[in-house]
Amino acid sequence: MFGLPDLPYAYDALQPVISDRTMHFHHDKHHATYVKTMNDLLEASGDKPTNLEDVVREAARADNRKLFNNSAQAWNHAFFWEAMAPAGTKPDSGLTAAIQKSFEGEAGLKNALVTEGVGHFGSGWVWLTAERGGGLKVVSTHDGQNLLTQSDLTPLLVCDLWEHAYYLDHQNNRKGFLEAWFDSLPNWEFANHQYAAAQGDGHAWRYPEASA
């Protein structure tokens, strides 16, 4: 059984961009439901995997939509929590250079991420990714889709575009949410680690393994 990871900070730590009320609903209800449904599906099938990344990839390969949607959303949300931090962090020199090369600086990256997120129709996620060749790219995915099935991209950061992620605090102002999110909440230390892993230095983040 896969667990619901604890938040890496207090529920009110991301205010005022994301309120504690939103975090309680988002983590304790939305994320928890994805994890429970995924576990129920795995139990009914008799499968006992320990690696959530493999569950997502196999469900995609087998076109098992219900298992894919719930397992991918369980993974996406856990990655999202890690991709945010309440205190100001900064990209290291390697990531800073990559941001400069790909976006001409953080202002260009912010514009690319906000533009992609605002232009994304419906629910989904907007990602900052590292390409296999070393460059950076902003992409969005629909609904529960993520990047685990794309071996040429390593996620560095992600922001949730589902309305439940921001509606209580920002109503229908997705652009305002994305701008405030980029200015205050990216966990650049986490992104530094992910970028290093994409370059072959260490391992990228993985969902906590299932218990026996």
C-alpha atoms as a PDB file:
ATOM      1  CA  MET A   1       0.000   0.000   0.000  1.00  0.00           C
ATOM      2  CA  PHE A   2       1.268   3.429  -0.920  1.00  0.00           C
ATOM      3  CA  GLY A   3       0.987   6.097   1.738  1.00  0.00           C
ATOM      4  CA  LEU A   4      -0.107   9.718   1.563  1.00  0.00           C
ATOM      5  CA  PRO A   5       3.138  11.675   2.039  1.00  0.00           C
ATOM      6  CA  ASP A   6       3.075  14.348   4.703  1.00  0.00           C
ATOM      7  CA  LEU A   7       3.484  17.922   3.570  1.00  0.00           C
ATOM      8  CA  PRO A   8       7.109  19.038   3.919  1.00  0.00           C
ATOM      9  CA  TYR A   9       5.937  22.216   5.698  1.00  0.00           C
ATOM     10  CA  ALA A  10       3.006  23.468   7.767  1.00  0.00           C
ATOM     11  CA  TYR A  11      -0.402  23.903   6.139  1.00  0.00           C
ATOM     12  CA  ASP A  12      -0.161  27.694   6.485  1.00  0.00           C
ATOM     13  CA  ALA A  13       3.464  27.958   5.346  1.00  0.00           C
ATOM     14  CA  LEU A  14       2.631  28.970   1.754  1.00  0.00           C
ATOM     15  CA  GLN A  15       0.358  31.879   2.626  1.00  0.00           C
ATOM     16  CA  PRO A  16      -0.688  34.292   1.236  1.00  0.00           C
ATOM     17  CA  VAL A  17      -0.309  32.630  -2.185  1.00  0.00           C
ATOM     18  CA  ILE A  18      -1.911  29.368  -1.022  1.00  0.00           C
ATOM     19  CA  SER A  19      -3.988  29.420   2.156  1.00  0.00           C
ATOM     20  CA  ASP A  20      -4.039  26.774   4.848  1.00  0.00           C
ATOM     21  CA  ARG A  21      -7.705  26.157   3.962  1.00  0.00           C
ATOM     22  CA  THR A  22      -6.742  25.300   0.383  1.00  0.00           C
ATOM     23  CA  MET A  23      -3.869  23.109   1.562  1.00  0.00           C
ATOM     24  CA  HIS A  24      -6.128  21.122   3.901  1.00  0.00           C
ATOM     25  CA  PHE A  25      -8.639  20.482   1.115  1.00  0.00           C
ATOM     26  CA  HIS A  26      -5.980  19.827  -1.509  1.00  0.00           C
ATOM     27  CA  HIS A  27      -3.726  17.499   0.484  1.00  0.00           C
ATOM     28  CA  ASP A  28      -6.105  15.867   2.951  1.00  0.00           C
ATOM     29  CA  LYS A  29      -8.998  15.327   0.540  1.00  0.00           C
ATOM     30  CA  HIS A  30      -7.968  15.529  -3.138  1.00  0.00           C
ATOM     31  CA  HIS A  31      -4.528  13.942  -2.840  1.00  0.00           C
ATOM     32  CA  ALA A  32      -5.700  11.426  -0.250  1.00  0.00           C
ATOM     33  CA  THR A  33      -8.553  10.299  -2.503  1.00  0.00           C
ATOM     34  CA  TYR A  34      -6.201   9.626  -5.402  1.00  0.00           C
ATOM     35  CA  VAL A  35      -3.949   7.549  -3.146  1.00  0.00           C
ATOM     36  CA  LYS A  36      -6.856   5.590  -1.656  1.00  0.00           C
ATOM     37  CA  THR A  37      -8.452   4.875  -5.036  1.00  0.00           C
ATOM     38  CA  MET A  38      -5.113   3.757  -6.466  1.00  0.00           C
ATOM     39  CA  ASN A  39      -4.513   1.422  -3.520  1.00  0.00           C
ATOM     40  CA  ASP A  40      -8.014  -0.019  -3.841  1.00  0.00           C
ATOM     41  CA  LEU A  41      -7.452  -0.719  -7.537  1.00  0.00           C
ATOM     42  CA  LEU A  42      -4.100  -2.383  -6.887  1.00  0.00           C
ATOM     43  CA  GLU A  43      -5.551  -4.480  -4.072  1.00  0.00           C
ATOM     44  CA  ALA A  44      -8.465  -5.612  -6.257  1.00  0.00           C
ATOM     45  CA  SER A  45      -6.046  -6.688  -8.986  1.00  0.00           C
ATOM     46  CA  GLY A  46      -3.784  -8.528  -6.555  1.00  0.00           C
ATOM     47  CA  ASP A  47      -0.779  -6.422  -7.543  1.00  0.00           C
ATOM     48  CA  LYS A  48       1.676  -5.430  -4.810  1.00  0.00           C
ATOM     49  CA  PRO A  49       4.131  -3.007  -6.423  1.00  0.00           C
ATOM     50  CA  THR A  50       6.590  -1.028  -4.325  1.00  0.00           C
ATOM     51  CA  ASN A  51       7.483   1.534  -6.964  1.00  0.00           C
ATOM     52  CA  LEU A  52       4.840   4.098  -7.931  1.00  0.00           C
ATOM     53  CA  GLU A  53       6.769   5.266 -10.974  1.00  0.00           C
ATOM     54  CA  ASP A  54       6.469   1.789 -12.470  1.00  0.00           C
ATOM     55  CA  VAL A  55       2.745   1.675 -11.655  1.00  0.00           C
ATOM     56  CA  VAL A  56       2.200   4.884 -13.620  1.00  0.00           C
ATOM     57  CA  ARG A  57       4.256   3.717 -16.601  1.00  0.00           C
ATOM     58  CA  GLU A  58       2.653   0.268 -16.733  1.00  0.00           C
ATOM     59  CA  ALA A  59      -0.860   1.690 -16.433  1.00  0.00           C
ATOM     60  CA  ALA A  60      -0.087   4.036 -19.335  1.00  0.00           C
ATOM     61  CA  ARG A  61       1.332   1.160 -21.422  1.00  0.00           C
ATOM     62  CA  ALA A  62      -1.718  -1.031 -20.711  1.00  0.00           C
ATOM     63  CA  ASP A  63      -4.132   1.869 -21.274  1.00  0.00           C
ATOM     64  CA  ASN A  64      -5.621   1.263 -17.813  1.00  0.00           C
ATOM     65  CA  ARG A  65      -7.098   4.734 -17.576  1.00  0.00           C
ATOM     66  CA  LYS A  66      -8.545   4.556 -14.077  1.00  0.00           C
ATOM     67  CA  LEU A  67      -5.337   3.244 -12.529  1.00  0.00           C
ATOM     68  CA  PHE A  68      -3.244   5.651 -14.582  1.00  0.00           C
ATOM     69  CA  ASN A  69      -5.298   8.699 -13.630  1.00  0.00           C
ATOM     70  CA  ASN A  70      -5.203   7.946  -9.916  1.00  0.00           C
ATOM     71  CA  SER A  71      -1.593   6.779  -9.707  1.00  0.00           C
ATOM     72  CA  ALA A  72      -0.320   9.652 -11.833  1.00  0.00           C
ATOM     73  CA  GLN A  73      -2.273  12.165  -9.786  1.00  0.00           C
ATOM     74  CA  ALA A  74      -0.910  10.656  -6.572  1.00  0.00           C
ATOM     75  CA  TRP A  75       2.597  11.110  -7.988  1.00  0.00           C
ATOM     76  CA  ASN A  76       1.954  14.595  -9.390  1.00  0.00           C
ATOM     77  CA  HIS A  77       0.655  15.956  -6.108  1.00  0.00           C
ATOM     78  CA  ALA A  78       3.541  14.575  -4.072  1.00  0.00           C
ATOM     79  CA  PHE A  79       5.979  16.129  -6.557  1.00  0.00           C
ATOM     80  CA  PHE A  80       4.040  19.422  -6.370  1.00  0.00           C
ATOM     81  CA  TRP A  81       4.398  19.601  -2.578  1.00  0.00           C
ATOM     82  CA  GLU A  82       8.148  19.067  -2.888  1.00  0.00           C
ATOM     83  CA  ALA A  83       8.425  21.646  -5.669  1.00  0.00           C
ATOM     84  CA  MET A  84       7.338  24.427  -3.278  1.00  0.00           C
ATOM     85  CA  ALA A  85       9.053  25.977  -0.289  1.00  0.00           C
ATOM     86  CA  PRO A  86       7.928  28.674   2.158  1.00  0.00           C
ATOM     87  CA  ALA A  87      11.342  30.319   2.400  1.00  0.00           C
ATOM     88  CA  GLY A  88      13.174  31.980  -0.447  1.00  0.00           C
ATOM     89  CA  THR A  89      15.515  29.627  -2.295  1.00  0.00           C
ATOM     90  CA  LYS A  90      17.647  30.314  -5.350  1.00  0.00           C
ATOM     91  CA  PRO A  91      18.789  28.389  -8.404  1.00  0.00           C
ATOM     92  CA  ASP A  92      22.433  27.334  -8.141  1.00  0.00           C
ATOM     93  CA  SER A  93      25.017  28.395 -10.698  1.00  0.00           C
ATOM     94  CA  GLY A  94      24.394  25.457 -13.027  1.00  0.00           C
ATOM     95  CA  LEU A  95      20.629  25.912 -13.126  1.00  0.00           C
ATOM     96  CA  THR A  96      20.982  29.689 -13.340  1.00  0.00           C
ATOM     97  CA  ALA A  97      23.153  29.288 -16.439  1.00  0.00           C
ATOM     98  CA  ALA A  98      20.617  26.915 -17.990  1.00  0.00           C
ATOM     99  CA  ILE A  99      17.766  29.354 -17.271  1.00  0.00           C
ATOM    100  CA  GLN A 100      19.765  32.157 -18.848  1.00  0.00           C
ATOM    101  CA  LYS A 101      20.519  30.086 -21.938  1.00  0.00           C
ATOM    102  CA  SER A 102      16.974  28.797 -22.435  1.00  0.00           C
ATOM    103  CA  PHE A 103      14.891  31.778 -21.290  1.00  0.00           C
ATOM    104  CA  GLU A 104      17.311  34.739 -21.064  1.00  0.00           C
ATOM    105  CA  GLY A 105      16.886  34.833 -17.300  1.00  0.00           C
ATOM    106  CA  GLU A 106      14.270  34.259 -14.597  1.00  0.00           C
ATOM    107  CA  ALA A 107      11.958  36.941 -16.001  1.00  0.00           C
ATOM    108  CA  GLY A 108      11.850  35.051 -19.278  1.00  0.00           C
ATOM    109  CA  LEU A 109      11.212  31.787 -17.466  1.00  0.00           C
ATOM    110  CA  LYS A 110       8.383  33.357 -15.486  1.00  0.00           C
ATOM    111  CA  ASN A 111       6.800  34.678 -18.688  1.00  0.00           C
ATOM    112  CA  ALA A 112       7.104  31.263 -20.365  1.00  0.00           C
ATOM    113  CA  LEU A 113       5.585  29.402 -17.412  1.00  0.00           C
ATOM    114  CA  VAL A 114       2.734  31.867 -16.876  1.00  0.00           C
ATOM    115  CA  THR A 115       1.960  32.029 -20.603  1.00  0.00           C
ATOM    116  CA  GLU A 116       1.907  28.225 -20.901  1.00  0.00           C
ATOM    117  CA  GLY A 117      -0.237  27.852 -17.778  1.00  0.00           C
ATOM    118  CA  VAL A 118      -2.754  30.519 -18.759  1.00  0.00           C
ATOM    119  CA  GLY A 119      -3.005  29.153 -22.294  1.00  0.00           C
ATOM    120  CA  HIS A 120      -3.592  25.590 -21.109  1.00  0.00           C
ATOM    121  CA  PHE A 121      -7.261  24.714 -21.622  1.00  0.00           C
ATOM    122  CA  GLY A 122      -8.872  22.902 -18.719  1.00  0.00           C
ATOM    123  CA  SER A 123      -7.200  21.027 -15.900  1.00  0.00           C
ATOM    124  CA  GLY A 124      -3.605  19.899 -15.777  1.00  0.00           C
ATOM    125  CA  TRP A 125      -0.073  20.876 -14.803  1.00  0.00           C
ATOM    126  CA  VAL A 126       2.635  23.243 -16.017  1.00  0.00           C
ATOM    127  CA  TRP A 127       6.204  21.958 -15.709  1.00  0.00           C
ATOM    128  CA  LEU A 128       9.726  23.297 -15.883  1.00  0.00           C
ATOM    129  CA  THR A 129      11.723  20.429 -17.351  1.00  0.00           C
ATOM    130  CA  ALA A 130      15.292  19.572 -18.279  1.00  0.00           C
ATOM    131  CA  GLU A 131      15.761  18.070 -21.720  1.00  0.00           C
ATOM    132  CA  ARG A 132      18.183  15.218 -22.286  1.00  0.00           C
ATOM    133  CA  GLY A 133      20.587  17.538 -24.112  1.00  0.00           C
ATOM    134  CA  GLY A 134      20.814  19.936 -21.164  1.00  0.00           C
ATOM    135  CA  GLY A 135      18.374  22.639 -22.184  1.00  0.00           C
ATOM    136  CA  LEU A 136      15.259  23.672 -20.262  1.00  0.00           C
ATOM    137  CA  LYS A 137      11.694  23.628 -21.509  1.00  0.00           C
ATOM    138  CA  VAL A 138       8.281  24.636 -20.127  1.00  0.00           C
ATOM    139  CA  VAL A 139       5.475  22.226 -20.987  1.00  0.00           C
ATOM    140  CA  SER A 140       1.943  21.552 -19.793  1.00  0.00           C
ATOM    141  CA  THR A 141       0.104  18.259 -19.448  1.00  0.00           C
ATOM    142  CA  HIS A 142      -3.630  17.569 -19.324  1.00  0.00           C
ATOM    143  CA  ASP A 143      -5.527  16.142 -16.370  1.00  0.00           C
ATOM    144  CA  GLY A 144      -3.350  13.481 -14.670  1.00  0.00           C
ATOM    145  CA  GLN A 145      -0.707  13.264 -17.367  1.00  0.00           C
ATOM    146  CA  ASN A 146       2.880  13.695 -16.212  1.00  0.00           C
ATOM    147  CA  LEU A 147       6.389  13.227 -17.582  1.00  0.00           C
ATOM    148  CA  LEU A 148       7.142   9.722 -16.320  1.00  0.00           C
ATOM    149  CA  THR A 149       6.420   8.293 -19.760  1.00  0.00           C
ATOM    150  CA  GLN A 150       8.754  10.812 -21.452  1.00  0.00           C
ATOM    151  CA  SER A 151      12.308   9.629 -20.895  1.00  0.00           C
ATOM    152  CA  ASP A 152      13.797  12.696 -22.590  1.00  0.00           C
ATOM    153  CA  LEU A 153      12.379  15.117 -19.992  1.00  0.00           C
ATOM    154  CA  THR A 154      13.144  15.398 -16.260  1.00  0.00           C
ATOM    155  CA  PRO A 155      10.719  17.539 -14.213  1.00  0.00           C
ATOM    156  CA  LEU A 156      12.333  20.267 -12.118  1.00  0.00           C
ATOM    157  CA  LEU A 157       9.264  22.165 -10.880  1.00  0.00           C
ATOM    158  CA  VAL A 158       5.516  21.916 -11.383  1.00  0.00           C
ATOM    159  CA  CYS A 159       2.475  24.051 -10.659  1.00  0.00           C
ATOM    160  CA  ASP A 160      -1.031  22.617 -10.432  1.00  0.00           C
ATOM    161  CA  LEU A 161      -3.524  24.089 -12.921  1.00  0.00           C
ATOM    162  CA  TRP A 162      -6.604  22.295 -11.579  1.00  0.00           C
ATOM    163  CA  GLU A 163      -9.057  24.842 -10.199  1.00  0.00           C
ATOM    164  CA  HIS A 164      -9.091  23.203  -6.760  1.00  0.00           C
ATOM    165  CA  ALA A 165      -5.433  24.262  -6.423  1.00  0.00           C
ATOM    166  CA  TYR A 166      -6.199  27.975  -6.469  1.00  0.00           C
ATOM    167  CA  TYR A 167      -9.922  28.758  -6.658  1.00  0.00           C
ATOM    168  CA  LEU A 168     -10.505  29.386  -2.941  1.00  0.00           C
ATOM    169  CA  ASP A 169      -7.686  31.935  -2.904  1.00  0.00           C
ATOM    170  CA  HIS A 170      -7.644  33.391  -6.427  1.00  0.00           C
ATOM    171  CA  GLN A 171     -11.066  32.465  -7.868  1.00  0.00           C
ATOM    172  CA  ASN A 172     -10.795  32.354 -11.679  1.00  0.00           C
ATOM    173  CA  ASN A 173      -7.587  34.412 -11.817  1.00  0.00           C
ATOM    174  CA  ARG A 174      -5.225  31.655 -12.944  1.00  0.00           C
ATOM    175  CA  LYS A 175      -2.719  34.194 -14.263  1.00  0.00           C
ATOM    176  CA  GLY A 176      -2.543  36.005 -10.938  1.00  0.00           C
ATOM    177  CA  PHE A 177      -2.065  32.695  -9.133  1.00  0.00           C
ATOM    178  CA  LEU A 178       0.740  31.603 -11.457  1.00  0.00           C
ATOM    179  CA  GLU A 179       2.521  34.947 -11.185  1.00  0.00           C
ATOM    180  CA  ALA A 180       2.323  34.938  -7.393  1.00  0.00           C
ATOM    181  CA  TRP A 181       3.351  31.283  -7.288  1.00  0.00           C
ATOM    182  CA  PHE A 182       6.460  31.876  -9.389  1.00  0.00           C
ATOM    183  CA  ASP A 183       7.479  34.935  -7.381  1.00  0.00           C
ATOM    184  CA  SER A 184       7.226  33.240  -3.974  1.00  0.00           C
ATOM    185  CA  LEU A 185       6.971  29.463  -3.901  1.00  0.00           C
ATOM    186  CA  PRO A 186       9.333  27.535  -6.229  1.00  0.00           C
ATOM    187  CA  ASN A 187      11.665  25.281  -4.255  1.00  0.00           C
ATOM    188  CA  TRP A 188      14.830  26.034  -6.189  1.00  0.00           C
ATOM    189  CA  GLU A 189      16.896  23.739  -3.970  1.00  0.00           C
ATOM    190  CA  PHE A 190      14.666  20.879  -5.113  1.00  0.00           C
ATOM    191  CA  ALA A 191      14.952  22.064  -8.733  1.00  0.00           C
ATOM    192  CA  ASN A 192      18.750  22.197  -8.356  1.00  0.00           C
ATOM    193  CA  HIS A 193      18.737  18.558  -7.248  1.00  0.00           C
ATOM    194  CA  GLN A 194      16.473  17.533 -10.117  1.00  0.00           C
ATOM    195  CA  TYR A 195      18.603  19.391 -12.648  1.00  0.00           C
ATOM    196  CA  ALA A 196      21.764  17.727 -11.339  1.00  0.00           C
ATOM    197  CA  ALA A 197      20.056  14.337 -11.634  1.00  0.00           C
ATOM    198  CA  ALA A 198      19.092  15.139 -15.228  1.00  0.00           C
ATOM    199  CA  GLN A 199      22.799  15.710 -15.902  1.00  0.00           C
ATOM    200  CA  GLY A 200      23.690  12.322 -14.409  1.00  0.00           C
ATOM    201  CA  ASP A 201      24.639  13.546 -10.936  1.00  0.00           C
ATOM    202  CA  GLY A 202      22.498  11.633  -8.438  1.00  0.00           C
ATOM    203  CA  HIS A 203      18.948  10.365  -8.743  1.00  0.00           C
ATOM    204  CA  ALA A 204      15.747  12.236  -9.464  1.00  0.00           C
ATOM    205  CA  TRP A 205      12.989  12.399  -6.856  1.00  0.00           C
ATOM    206  CA  ARG A 206      10.858   9.289  -6.392  1.00  0.00           C
ATOM    207  CA  TYR A 207       7.575   8.742  -4.583  1.00  0.00           C
ATOM    208  CA  PRO A 208       8.027   6.979  -1.213  1.00  0.00           C
ATOM    209  CA  GLU A 209       7.971   3.220  -1.629  1.00  0.00           C
ATOM    210  CA  ALA A 210       4.912   1.212  -0.677  1.00  0.00           C
ATOM    211  CA  SER A 211       4.787  -0.592   2.646  1.00  0.00           C
ATOM    212  CA  ALA A 212       4.387  -4.347   2.834  1.00  0.00           C
END
